[in-house]
mmCIF file of all heavy atoms, coordinates in Angstrom:
data_MODEL
# 
_entry.id   MODEL 
# 
loop_
_atom_site.group_PDB 
_atom_site.id 
_atom_site.type_symbol 
_atom_site.label_atom_id 
_atom_site.label_alt_id 
_atom_site.label_comp_id 
_atom_site.label_asym_id 
_atom_site.label_entity_id 
_atom_site.label_seq_id 
_atom_site.pdbx_PDB_ins_code 
_atom_site.Cartn_x 
_atom_site.Cartn_y 
_atom_site.Cartn_z 
_atom_site.occupancy 
_atom_site.B_iso_or_equiv 
_atom_site.pdbx_formal_charge 
_atom_site.auth_seq_id 
_atom_site.auth_comp_id 
_atom_site.auth_asym_id 
_atom_site.auth_atom_id 
_atom_site.pdbx_PDB_model_num 
ATOM 1   N N   . LEU A 1 1  ? 139.523 -99.393  23.285 1.00 0.00 ? 1  LEU A N   1 
ATOM 2   C CA  . LEU A 1 1  ? 138.413 -100.348 23.307 1.00 0.00 ? 1  LEU A CA  1 
ATOM 3   C C   . LEU A 1 1  ? 137.526 -100.168 22.080 1.00 0.00 ? 1  LEU A C   1 
ATOM 4   O O   . LEU A 1 1  ? 137.158 -101.141 21.409 1.00 0.00 ? 1  LEU A O   1 
ATOM 5   C CB  . LEU A 1 1  ? 137.607 -100.160 24.596 1.00 0.00 ? 1  LEU A CB  1 
ATOM 6   C CG  . LEU A 1 1  ? 136.466 -101.142 24.865 1.00 0.00 ? 1  LEU A CG  1 
ATOM 7   C CD1 . LEU A 1 1  ? 136.302 -101.360 26.363 1.00 0.00 ? 1  LEU A CD1 1 
ATOM 8   C CD2 . LEU A 1 1  ? 135.138 -100.640 24.290 1.00 0.00 ? 1  LEU A CD2 1 
ATOM 9   N N   . ALA A 1 2  ? 137.178 -98.916  21.765 1.00 0.00 ? 2  ALA A N   1 
ATOM 10  C CA  . ALA A 1 2  ? 136.316 -98.652  20.612 1.00 0.00 ? 2  ALA A CA  1 
ATOM 11  C C   . ALA A 1 2  ? 136.989 -99.043  19.304 1.00 0.00 ? 2  ALA A C   1 
ATOM 12  O O   . ALA A 1 2  ? 136.363 -99.651  18.417 1.00 0.00 ? 2  ALA A O   1 
ATOM 13  C CB  . ALA A 1 2  ? 135.928 -97.166  20.589 1.00 0.00 ? 2  ALA A CB  1 
ATOM 14  N N   . TRP A 1 3  ? 138.267 -98.713  19.179 1.00 0.00 ? 3  TRP A N   1 
ATOM 15  C CA  . TRP A 1 3  ? 139.018 -99.051  17.959 1.00 0.00 ? 3  TRP A CA  1 
ATOM 16  C C   . TRP A 1 3  ? 139.028 -100.564 17.740 1.00 0.00 ? 3  TRP A C   1 
ATOM 17  O O   . TRP A 1 3  ? 138.724 -101.054 16.653 1.00 0.00 ? 3  TRP A O   1 
ATOM 18  C CB  . TRP A 1 3  ? 140.444 -98.514  18.095 1.00 0.00 ? 3  TRP A CB  1 
ATOM 19  C CG  . TRP A 1 3  ? 141.343 -98.821  16.936 1.00 0.00 ? 3  TRP A CG  1 
ATOM 20  C CD1 . TRP A 1 3  ? 142.013 -99.988  16.714 1.00 0.00 ? 3  TRP A CD1 1 
ATOM 21  C CD2 . TRP A 1 3  ? 141.696 -97.953  15.848 1.00 0.00 ? 3  TRP A CD2 1 
ATOM 22  N NE1 . TRP A 1 3  ? 142.758 -99.906  15.559 1.00 0.00 ? 3  TRP A NE1 1 
ATOM 23  C CE2 . TRP A 1 3  ? 142.584 -98.666  15.012 1.00 0.00 ? 3  TRP A CE2 1 
ATOM 24  C CE3 . TRP A 1 3  ? 141.366 -96.644  15.511 1.00 0.00 ? 3  TRP A CE3 1 
ATOM 25  C CZ2 . TRP A 1 3  ? 143.133 -98.117  13.857 1.00 0.00 ? 3  TRP A CZ2 1 
ATOM 26  C CZ3 . TRP A 1 3  ? 141.910 -96.087  14.364 1.00 0.00 ? 3  TRP A CZ3 1 
ATOM 27  C CH2 . TRP A 1 3  ? 142.783 -96.810  13.546 1.00 0.00 ? 3  TRP A CH2 1 
ATOM 28  N N   . MET A 1 4  ? 139.360 -101.326 18.794 1.00 0.00 ? 4  MET A N   1 
ATOM 29  C CA  . MET A 1 4  ? 139.456 -102.766 18.662 1.00 0.00 ? 4  MET A CA  1 
ATOM 30  C C   . MET A 1 4  ? 138.114 -103.398 18.314 1.00 0.00 ? 4  MET A C   1 
ATOM 31  O O   . MET A 1 4  ? 138.005 -104.260 17.442 1.00 0.00 ? 4  MET A O   1 
ATOM 32  C CB  . MET A 1 4  ? 140.000 -103.379 19.953 1.00 0.00 ? 4  MET A CB  1 
ATOM 33  C CG  . MET A 1 4  ? 140.517 -104.797 19.816 1.00 0.00 ? 4  MET A CG  1 
ATOM 34  S SD  . MET A 1 4  ? 139.281 -106.062 19.451 1.00 0.00 ? 4  MET A SD  1 
ATOM 35  C CE  . MET A 1 4  ? 138.103 -105.772 20.755 1.00 0.00 ? 4  MET A CE  1 
ATOM 36  N N   . MET A 1 5  ? 137.042 -102.958 18.964 1.00 0.00 ? 5  MET A N   1 
ATOM 37  C CA  . MET A 1 5  ? 135.740 -103.579 18.742 1.00 0.00 ? 5  MET A CA  1 
ATOM 38  C C   . MET A 1 5  ? 135.250 -103.335 17.317 1.00 0.00 ? 5  MET A C   1 
ATOM 39  O O   . MET A 1 5  ? 134.701 -104.236 16.674 1.00 0.00 ? 5  MET A O   1 
ATOM 40  C CB  . MET A 1 5  ? 134.730 -103.072 19.765 1.00 0.00 ? 5  MET A CB  1 
ATOM 41  C CG  . MET A 1 5  ? 135.044 -103.496 21.189 1.00 0.00 ? 5  MET A CG  1 
ATOM 42  S SD  . MET A 1 5  ? 133.778 -103.026 22.395 1.00 0.00 ? 5  MET A SD  1 
ATOM 43  C CE  . MET A 1 5  ? 132.553 -104.277 22.105 1.00 0.00 ? 5  MET A CE  1 
ATOM 44  N N   . LEU A 1 6  ? 135.442 -102.122 16.810 1.00 0.00 ? 6  LEU A N   1 
ATOM 45  C CA  . LEU A 1 6  ? 135.002 -101.833 15.441 1.00 0.00 ? 6  LEU A CA  1 
ATOM 46  C C   . LEU A 1 6  ? 135.836 -102.610 14.433 1.00 0.00 ? 6  LEU A C   1 
ATOM 47  O O   . LEU A 1 6  ? 135.293 -103.276 13.541 1.00 0.00 ? 6  LEU A O   1 
ATOM 48  C CB  . LEU A 1 6  ? 135.093 -100.327 15.186 1.00 0.00 ? 6  LEU A CB  1 
ATOM 49  C CG  . LEU A 1 6  ? 134.542 -99.737  13.875 1.00 0.00 ? 6  LEU A CG  1 
ATOM 50  C CD1 . LEU A 1 6  ? 135.443 -99.951  12.686 1.00 0.00 ? 6  LEU A CD1 1 
ATOM 51  C CD2 . LEU A 1 6  ? 133.150 -100.251 13.594 1.00 0.00 ? 6  LEU A CD2 1 
ATOM 52  N N   . VAL A 1 7  ? 137.155 -102.564 14.573 1.00 0.00 ? 7  VAL A N   1 
ATOM 53  C CA  . VAL A 1 7  ? 138.036 -103.232 13.616 1.00 0.00 ? 7  VAL A CA  1 
ATOM 54  C C   . VAL A 1 7  ? 137.831 -104.743 13.659 1.00 0.00 ? 7  VAL A C   1 
ATOM 55  O O   . VAL A 1 7  ? 137.761 -105.408 12.618 1.00 0.00 ? 7  VAL A O   1 
ATOM 56  C CB  . VAL A 1 7  ? 139.508 -102.861 13.894 1.00 0.00 ? 7  VAL A CB  1 
ATOM 57  C CG1 . VAL A 1 7  ? 140.448 -103.712 13.054 1.00 0.00 ? 7  VAL A CG1 1 
ATOM 58  C CG2 . VAL A 1 7  ? 139.730 -101.384 13.614 1.00 0.00 ? 7  VAL A CG2 1 
ATOM 59  N N   . SER A 1 8  ? 137.710 -105.315 14.858 1.00 0.00 ? 8  SER A N   1 
ATOM 60  C CA  . SER A 1 8  ? 137.497 -106.746 14.986 1.00 0.00 ? 8  SER A CA  1 
ATOM 61  C C   . SER A 1 8  ? 136.174 -107.161 14.357 1.00 0.00 ? 8  SER A C   1 
ATOM 62  O O   . SER A 1 8  ? 136.090 -108.178 13.662 1.00 0.00 ? 8  SER A O   1 
ATOM 63  C CB  . SER A 1 8  ? 137.528 -107.160 16.459 1.00 0.00 ? 8  SER A CB  1 
ATOM 64  O OG  . SER A 1 8  ? 137.248 -108.534 16.602 1.00 0.00 ? 8  SER A OG  1 
ATOM 65  N N   . ARG A 1 9  ? 135.143 -106.362 14.569 1.00 0.00 ? 9  ARG A N   1 
ATOM 66  C CA  . ARG A 1 9  ? 133.821 -106.696 14.006 1.00 0.00 ? 9  ARG A CA  1 
ATOM 67  C C   . ARG A 1 9  ? 133.865 -106.669 12.488 1.00 0.00 ? 9  ARG A C   1 
ATOM 68  O O   . ARG A 1 9  ? 133.276 -107.531 11.822 1.00 0.00 ? 9  ARG A O   1 
ATOM 69  C CB  . ARG A 1 9  ? 132.767 -105.706 14.519 1.00 0.00 ? 9  ARG A CB  1 
ATOM 70  C CG  . ARG A 1 9  ? 131.337 -106.113 14.143 1.00 0.00 ? 9  ARG A CG  1 
ATOM 71  C CD  . ARG A 1 9  ? 130.940 -107.370 14.884 1.00 0.00 ? 9  ARG A CD  1 
ATOM 72  N NE  . ARG A 1 9  ? 129.664 -107.883 14.406 1.00 0.00 ? 9  ARG A NE  1 
ATOM 73  C CZ  . ARG A 1 9  ? 129.526 -108.710 13.369 1.00 0.00 ? 9  ARG A CZ  1 
ATOM 74  N NH1 . ARG A 1 9  ? 130.605 -109.107 12.703 1.00 0.00 ? 9  ARG A NH1 1 
ATOM 75  N NH2 . ARG A 1 9  ? 128.347 -109.160 13.009 1.00 0.00 ? 9  ARG A NH2 1 
ATOM 76  N N   . MET A 1 10 ? 134.541 -105.699 11.904 1.00 0.00 ? 10 MET A N   1 
ATOM 77  C CA  . MET A 1 10 ? 134.629 -105.616 10.456 1.00 0.00 ? 10 MET A CA  1 
ATOM 78  C C   . MET A 1 10 ? 135.510 -106.747 9.893  1.00 0.00 ? 10 MET A C   1 
ATOM 79  O O   . MET A 1 10 ? 135.243 -107.285 8.822  1.00 0.00 ? 10 MET A O   1 
ATOM 80  C CB  . MET A 1 10 ? 135.190 -104.256 10.032 1.00 0.00 ? 10 MET A CB  1 
ATOM 81  C CG  . MET A 1 10 ? 134.266 -103.076 10.364 1.00 0.00 ? 10 MET A CG  1 
ATOM 82  S SD  . MET A 1 10 ? 132.637 -103.118 9.560  1.00 0.00 ? 10 MET A SD  1 
ATOM 83  C CE  . MET A 1 10 ? 131.607 -103.848 10.853 1.00 0.00 ? 10 MET A CE  1 
ATOM 84  N N   . ASN A 1 11 ? 136.551 -107.119 10.639 1.00 0.00 ? 11 ASN A N   1 
ATOM 85  C CA  . ASN A 1 11 ? 137.411 -108.215 10.187 1.00 0.00 ? 11 ASN A CA  1 
ATOM 86  C C   . ASN A 1 11 ? 136.658 -109.534 10.181 1.00 0.00 ? 11 ASN A C   1 
ATOM 87  O O   . ASN A 1 11 ? 136.798 -110.342 9.253  1.00 0.00 ? 11 ASN A O   1 
ATOM 88  C CB  . ASN A 1 11 ? 138.649 -108.314 11.082 1.00 0.00 ? 11 ASN A CB  1 
ATOM 89  C CG  . ASN A 1 11 ? 139.660 -109.310 10.566 1.00 0.00 ? 11 ASN A CG  1 
ATOM 90  O OD1 . ASN A 1 11 ? 139.608 -110.490 10.893 1.00 0.00 ? 11 ASN A OD1 1 
ATOM 91  N ND2 . ASN A 1 11 ? 140.577 -108.831 9.749  1.00 0.00 ? 11 ASN A ND2 1 
ATOM 92  N N   . VAL A 1 12 ? 135.837 -109.770 11.202 1.00 0.00 ? 12 VAL A N   1 
ATOM 93  C CA  . VAL A 1 12 ? 135.010 -110.978 11.241 1.00 0.00 ? 12 VAL A CA  1 
ATOM 94  C C   . VAL A 1 12 ? 134.053 -110.993 10.052 1.00 0.00 ? 12 VAL A C   1 
ATOM 95  O O   . VAL A 1 12 ? 133.864 -112.030 9.401  1.00 0.00 ? 12 VAL A O   1 
ATOM 96  C CB  . VAL A 1 12 ? 134.227 -111.059 12.564 1.00 0.00 ? 12 VAL A CB  1 
ATOM 97  C CG1 . VAL A 1 12 ? 133.166 -112.154 12.494 1.00 0.00 ? 12 VAL A CG1 1 
ATOM 98  C CG2 . VAL A 1 12 ? 135.174 -111.323 13.719 1.00 0.00 ? 12 VAL A CG2 1 
ATOM 99  N N   . ALA A 1 13 ? 133.447 -109.850 9.760  1.00 0.00 ? 13 ALA A N   1 
ATOM 100 C CA  . ALA A 1 13 ? 132.528 -109.777 8.622  1.00 0.00 ? 13 ALA A CA  1 
ATOM 101 C C   . ALA A 1 13 ? 133.238 -110.139 7.323  1.00 0.00 ? 13 ALA A C   1 
ATOM 102 O O   . ALA A 1 13 ? 132.680 -110.837 6.470  1.00 0.00 ? 13 ALA A O   1 
ATOM 103 C CB  . ALA A 1 13 ? 131.920 -108.379 8.540  1.00 0.00 ? 13 ALA A CB  1 
ATOM 104 N N   . MET A 1 14 ? 134.472 -109.673 7.157  1.00 0.00 ? 14 MET A N   1 
ATOM 105 C CA  . MET A 1 14 ? 135.231 -110.018 5.958  1.00 0.00 ? 14 MET A CA  1 
ATOM 106 C C   . MET A 1 14 ? 135.503 -111.521 5.904  1.00 0.00 ? 14 MET A C   1 
ATOM 107 O O   . MET A 1 14 ? 135.264 -112.183 4.885  1.00 0.00 ? 14 MET A O   1 
ATOM 108 C CB  . MET A 1 14 ? 136.555 -109.252 5.938  1.00 0.00 ? 14 MET A CB  1 
ATOM 109 C CG  . MET A 1 14 ? 136.437 -107.766 5.680  1.00 0.00 ? 14 MET A CG  1 
ATOM 110 S SD  . MET A 1 14 ? 135.991 -107.359 3.979  1.00 0.00 ? 14 MET A SD  1 
ATOM 111 C CE  . MET A 1 14 ? 137.432 -107.940 3.074  1.00 0.00 ? 14 MET A CE  1 
ATOM 112 N N   . GLN A 1 15 ? 136.011 -112.087 6.988  1.00 0.00 ? 15 GLN A N   1 
ATOM 113 C CA  . GLN A 1 15 ? 136.387 -113.500 7.000  1.00 0.00 ? 15 GLN A CA  1 
ATOM 114 C C   . GLN A 1 15 ? 135.196 -114.406 6.703  1.00 0.00 ? 15 GLN A C   1 
ATOM 115 O O   . GLN A 1 15 ? 135.307 -115.380 5.962  1.00 0.00 ? 15 GLN A O   1 
ATOM 116 C CB  . GLN A 1 15 ? 136.989 -113.872 8.367  1.00 0.00 ? 15 GLN A CB  1 
ATOM 117 C CG  . GLN A 1 15 ? 138.358 -113.285 8.644  1.00 0.00 ? 15 GLN A CG  1 
ATOM 118 C CD  . GLN A 1 15 ? 139.471 -114.092 7.989  1.00 0.00 ? 15 GLN A CD  1 
ATOM 119 O OE1 . GLN A 1 15 ? 139.235 -114.923 7.132  1.00 0.00 ? 15 GLN A OE1 1 
ATOM 120 N NE2 . GLN A 1 15 ? 140.710 -113.831 8.396  1.00 0.00 ? 15 GLN A NE2 1 
ATOM 121 N N   . LEU A 1 16 ? 134.032 -114.080 7.274  1.00 0.00 ? 16 LEU A N   1 
ATOM 122 C CA  . LEU A 1 16 ? 132.875 -114.952 7.134  1.00 0.00 ? 16 LEU A CA  1 
ATOM 123 C C   . LEU A 1 16 ? 132.139 -114.759 5.815  1.00 0.00 ? 16 LEU A C   1 
ATOM 124 O O   . LEU A 1 16 ? 131.244 -115.545 5.494  1.00 0.00 ? 16 LEU A O   1 
ATOM 125 C CB  . LEU A 1 16 ? 131.912 -114.725 8.302  1.00 0.00 ? 16 LEU A CB  1 
ATOM 126 C CG  . LEU A 1 16 ? 132.427 -115.128 9.685  1.00 0.00 ? 16 LEU A CG  1 
ATOM 127 C CD1 . LEU A 1 16 ? 131.381 -114.859 10.749 1.00 0.00 ? 16 LEU A CD1 1 
ATOM 128 C CD2 . LEU A 1 16 ? 132.835 -116.598 9.712  1.00 0.00 ? 16 LEU A CD2 1 
ATOM 129 N N   . ASN A 1 17 ? 132.495 -113.752 5.054  1.00 0.00 ? 17 ASN A N   1 
ATOM 130 C CA  . ASN A 1 17 ? 131.807 -113.493 3.788  1.00 0.00 ? 17 ASN A CA  1 
ATOM 131 C C   . ASN A 1 17 ? 132.695 -113.731 2.571  1.00 0.00 ? 17 ASN A C   1 
ATOM 132 O O   . ASN A 1 17 ? 132.356 -113.283 1.475  1.00 0.00 ? 17 ASN A O   1 
ATOM 133 C CB  . ASN A 1 17 ? 131.268 -112.058 3.765  1.00 0.00 ? 17 ASN A CB  1 
ATOM 134 C CG  . ASN A 1 17 ? 129.983 -111.912 4.546  1.00 0.00 ? 17 ASN A CG  1 
ATOM 135 O OD1 . ASN A 1 17 ? 128.899 -112.226 4.071  1.00 0.00 ? 17 ASN A OD1 1 
ATOM 136 N ND2 . ASN A 1 17 ? 130.104 -111.450 5.789  1.00 0.00 ? 17 ASN A ND2 1 
ATOM 137 N N   . LEU A 1 18 ? 133.812 -114.436 2.761  1.00 0.00 ? 18 LEU A N   1 
ATOM 138 C CA  . LEU A 1 18 ? 134.741 -114.652 1.652  1.00 0.00 ? 18 LEU A CA  1 
ATOM 139 C C   . LEU A 1 18 ? 134.937 -116.138 1.375  1.00 0.00 ? 18 LEU A C   1 
ATOM 140 O O   . LEU A 1 18 ? 135.179 -116.914 2.302  1.00 0.00 ? 18 LEU A O   1 
ATOM 141 C CB  . LEU A 1 18 ? 136.104 -114.027 1.964  1.00 0.00 ? 18 LEU A CB  1 
ATOM 142 C CG  . LEU A 1 18 ? 136.177 -112.504 1.968  1.00 0.00 ? 18 LEU A CG  1 
ATOM 143 C CD1 . LEU A 1 18 ? 137.535 -112.051 2.487  1.00 0.00 ? 18 LEU A CD1 1 
ATOM 144 C CD2 . LEU A 1 18 ? 135.929 -111.958 0.571  1.00 0.00 ? 18 LEU A CD2 1 
ATOM 145 N N   . PRO A 1 19 ? 134.872 -116.559 0.110  1.00 0.00 ? 19 PRO A N   1 
ATOM 146 C CA  . PRO A 1 19 ? 135.269 -117.923 -0.241 1.00 0.00 ? 19 PRO A CA  1 
ATOM 147 C C   . PRO A 1 19 ? 136.786 -118.030 -0.265 1.00 0.00 ? 19 PRO A C   1 
ATOM 148 O O   . PRO A 1 19 ? 137.493 -117.033 -0.424 1.00 0.00 ? 19 PRO A O   1 
ATOM 149 C CB  . PRO A 1 19 ? 134.676 -118.111 -1.639 1.00 0.00 ? 19 PRO A CB  1 
ATOM 150 C CG  . PRO A 1 19 ? 134.617 -116.723 -2.207 1.00 0.00 ? 19 PRO A CG  1 
ATOM 151 C CD  . PRO A 1 19 ? 134.365 -115.807 -1.045 1.00 0.00 ? 19 PRO A CD  1 
ATOM 152 N N   . ASN A 1 20 ? 137.292 -119.241 -0.119 1.00 0.00 ? 20 ASN A N   1 
ATOM 153 C CA  . ASN A 1 20 ? 138.737 -119.422 0.017  1.00 0.00 ? 20 ASN A CA  1 
ATOM 154 C C   . ASN A 1 20 ? 139.508 -119.027 -1.235 1.00 0.00 ? 20 ASN A C   1 
ATOM 155 O O   . ASN A 1 20 ? 140.643 -118.545 -1.138 1.00 0.00 ? 20 ASN A O   1 
ATOM 156 C CB  . ASN A 1 20 ? 139.049 -120.877 0.371  1.00 0.00 ? 20 ASN A CB  1 
ATOM 157 C CG  . ASN A 1 20 ? 140.504 -121.071 0.762  1.00 0.00 ? 20 ASN A CG  1 
ATOM 158 O OD1 . ASN A 1 20 ? 140.977 -120.457 1.709  1.00 0.00 ? 20 ASN A OD1 1 
ATOM 159 N ND2 . ASN A 1 20 ? 141.216 -121.897 0.017  1.00 0.00 ? 20 ASN A ND2 1 
ATOM 160 N N   . TRP A 1 21 ? 138.907 -119.177 -2.432 1.00 0.00 ? 21 TRP A N   1 
ATOM 161 C CA  . TRP A 1 21 ? 139.673 -118.955 -3.657 1.00 0.00 ? 21 TRP A CA  1 
ATOM 162 C C   . TRP A 1 21 ? 140.129 -117.513 -3.816 1.00 0.00 ? 21 TRP A C   1 
ATOM 163 O O   . TRP A 1 21 ? 141.107 -117.239 -4.502 1.00 0.00 ? 21 TRP A O   1 
ATOM 164 C CB  . TRP A 1 21 ? 138.864 -119.398 -4.888 1.00 0.00 ? 21 TRP A CB  1 
ATOM 165 C CG  . TRP A 1 21 ? 137.677 -118.544 -5.247 1.00 0.00 ? 21 TRP A CG  1 
ATOM 166 C CD1 . TRP A 1 21 ? 136.390 -118.710 -4.842 1.00 0.00 ? 21 TRP A CD1 1 
ATOM 167 C CD2 . TRP A 1 21 ? 137.668 -117.395 -6.111 1.00 0.00 ? 21 TRP A CD2 1 
ATOM 168 N NE1 . TRP A 1 21 ? 135.572 -117.748 -5.381 1.00 0.00 ? 21 TRP A NE1 1 
ATOM 169 C CE2 . TRP A 1 21 ? 136.334 -116.925 -6.169 1.00 0.00 ? 21 TRP A CE2 1 
ATOM 170 C CE3 . TRP A 1 21 ? 138.647 -116.721 -6.831 1.00 0.00 ? 21 TRP A CE3 1 
ATOM 171 C CZ2 . TRP A 1 21 ? 135.962 -115.814 -6.922 1.00 0.00 ? 21 TRP A CZ2 1 
ATOM 172 C CZ3 . TRP A 1 21 ? 138.279 -115.607 -7.575 1.00 0.00 ? 21 TRP A CZ3 1 
ATOM 173 C CH2 . TRP A 1 21 ? 136.947 -115.165 -7.613 1.00 0.00 ? 21 TRP A CH2 1 
ATOM 174 N N   . VAL A 1 22 ? 139.439 -116.582 -3.167 1.00 0.00 ? 22 VAL A N   1 
ATOM 175 C CA  . VAL A 1 22 ? 139.782 -115.166 -3.314 1.00 0.00 ? 22 VAL A CA  1 
ATOM 176 C C   . VAL A 1 22 ? 140.077 -114.512 -1.968 1.00 0.00 ? 22 VAL A C   1 
ATOM 177 O O   . VAL A 1 22 ? 140.234 -113.301 -1.880 1.00 0.00 ? 22 VAL A O   1 
ATOM 178 C CB  . VAL A 1 22 ? 138.628 -114.435 -4.040 1.00 0.00 ? 22 VAL A CB  1 
ATOM 179 C CG1 . VAL A 1 22 ? 137.436 -114.215 -3.097 1.00 0.00 ? 22 VAL A CG1 1 
ATOM 180 C CG2 . VAL A 1 22 ? 139.082 -113.120 -4.659 1.00 0.00 ? 22 VAL A CG2 1 
ATOM 181 N N   . ARG A 1 23 ? 140.193 -115.323 -0.926 1.00 0.00 ? 23 ARG A N   1 
ATOM 182 C CA  . ARG A 1 23 ? 140.286 -114.780 0.437  1.00 0.00 ? 23 ARG A CA  1 
ATOM 183 C C   . ARG A 1 23 ? 141.469 -113.826 0.620  1.00 0.00 ? 23 ARG A C   1 
ATOM 184 O O   . ARG A 1 23 ? 141.319 -112.706 1.119  1.00 0.00 ? 23 ARG A O   1 
ATOM 185 C CB  . ARG A 1 23 ? 140.389 -115.927 1.445  1.00 0.00 ? 23 ARG A CB  1 
ATOM 186 C CG  . ARG A 1 23 ? 140.370 -115.458 2.903  1.00 0.00 ? 23 ARG A CG  1 
ATOM 187 C CD  . ARG A 1 23 ? 140.507 -116.641 3.847  1.00 0.00 ? 23 ARG A CD  1 
ATOM 188 N NE  . ARG A 1 23 ? 139.455 -117.617 3.631  1.00 0.00 ? 23 ARG A NE  1 
ATOM 189 C CZ  . ARG A 1 23 ? 138.237 -117.527 4.166  1.00 0.00 ? 23 ARG A CZ  1 
ATOM 190 N NH1 . ARG A 1 23 ? 137.934 -116.502 4.933  1.00 0.00 ? 23 ARG A NH1 1 
ATOM 191 N NH2 . ARG A 1 23 ? 137.341 -118.455 3.927  1.00 0.00 ? 23 ARG A NH2 1 
ATOM 192 N N   . ALA A 1 24 ? 142.667 -114.249 0.239  1.00 0.00 ? 24 ALA A N   1 
ATOM 193 C CA  . ALA A 1 24 ? 143.846 -113.411 0.468  1.00 0.00 ? 24 ALA A CA  1 
ATOM 194 C C   . ALA A 1 24 ? 143.771 -112.114 -0.320 1.00 0.00 ? 24 ALA A C   1 
ATOM 195 O O   . ALA A 1 24 ? 144.173 -111.056 0.164  1.00 0.00 ? 24 ALA A O   1 
ATOM 196 C CB  . ALA A 1 24 ? 145.119 -114.180 0.112  1.00 0.00 ? 24 ALA A CB  1 
ATOM 197 N N   . ARG A 1 25 ? 143.252 -112.170 -1.547 1.00 0.00 ? 25 ARG A N   1 
ATOM 198 C CA  . ARG A 1 25 ? 143.145 -110.951 -2.359 1.00 0.00 ? 25 ARG A CA  1 
ATOM 199 C C   . ARG A 1 25 ? 142.157 -109.967 -1.749 1.00 0.00 ? 25 ARG A C   1 
ATOM 200 O O   . ARG A 1 25 ? 142.427 -108.760 -1.670 1.00 0.00 ? 25 ARG A O   1 
ATOM 201 C CB  . ARG A 1 25 ? 142.726 -111.320 -3.790 1.00 0.00 ? 25 ARG A CB  1 
ATOM 202 C CG  . ARG A 1 25 ? 143.874 -111.772 -4.664 1.00 0.00 ? 25 ARG A CG  1 
ATOM 203 C CD  . ARG A 1 25 ? 143.395 -112.440 -5.935 1.00 0.00 ? 25 ARG A CD  1 
ATOM 204 N NE  . ARG A 1 25 ? 142.963 -113.816 -5.685 1.00 0.00 ? 25 ARG A NE  1 
ATOM 205 C CZ  . ARG A 1 25 ? 142.576 -114.658 -6.623 1.00 0.00 ? 25 ARG A CZ  1 
ATOM 206 N NH1 . ARG A 1 25 ? 142.531 -114.268 -7.886 1.00 0.00 ? 25 ARG A NH1 1 
ATOM 207 N NH2 . ARG A 1 25 ? 142.226 -115.894 -6.324 1.00 0.00 ? 25 ARG A NH2 1 
ATOM 208 N N   . ALA A 1 26 ? 141.004 -110.462 -1.315 1.00 0.00 ? 26 ALA A N   1 
ATOM 209 C CA  . ALA A 1 26 ? 140.012 -109.560 -0.716 1.00 0.00 ? 26 ALA A CA  1 
ATOM 210 C C   . ALA A 1 26 ? 140.500 -109.011 0.622  1.00 0.00 ? 26 ALA A C   1 
ATOM 211 O O   . ALA A 1 26 ? 140.295 -107.830 0.933  1.00 0.00 ? 26 ALA A O   1 
ATOM 212 C CB  . ALA A 1 26 ? 138.687 -110.298 -0.543 1.00 0.00 ? 26 ALA A CB  1 
ATOM 213 N N   . LEU A 1 27 ? 141.161 -109.856 1.422  1.00 0.00 ? 27 LEU A N   1 
ATOM 214 C CA  . LEU A 1 27 ? 141.713 -109.368 2.686  1.00 0.00 ? 27 LEU A CA  1 
ATOM 215 C C   . LEU A 1 27 ? 142.843 -108.372 2.444  1.00 0.00 ? 27 LEU A C   1 
ATOM 216 O O   . LEU A 1 27 ? 143.059 -107.447 3.240  1.00 0.00 ? 27 LEU A O   1 
ATOM 217 C CB  . LEU A 1 27 ? 142.214 -110.540 3.526  1.00 0.00 ? 27 LEU A CB  1 
ATOM 218 C CG  . LEU A 1 27 ? 141.114 -111.415 4.138  1.00 0.00 ? 27 LEU A CG  1 
ATOM 219 C CD1 . LEU A 1 27 ? 141.708 -112.669 4.763  1.00 0.00 ? 27 LEU A CD1 1 
ATOM 220 C CD2 . LEU A 1 27 ? 140.316 -110.636 5.182  1.00 0.00 ? 27 LEU A CD2 1 
ATOM 221 N N   . ALA A 1 28 ? 143.563 -108.539 1.323  1.00 0.00 ? 28 ALA A N   1 
ATOM 222 C CA  . ALA A 1 28 ? 144.593 -107.564 0.970  1.00 0.00 ? 28 ALA A CA  1 
ATOM 223 C C   . ALA A 1 28 ? 143.961 -106.216 0.659  1.00 0.00 ? 28 ALA A C   1 
ATOM 224 O O   . ALA A 1 28 ? 144.497 -105.161 1.030  1.00 0.00 ? 28 ALA A O   1 
ATOM 225 C CB  . ALA A 1 28 ? 145.394 -108.057 -0.231 1.00 0.00 ? 28 ALA A CB  1 
# 
């Protein structure tokens, strides 16, 4: 539960703070 909540929260932060032109590179 703790692992999923932390990782999911950080993944949401990444997705919502990235423009599309660099999204795949930053997510990589």
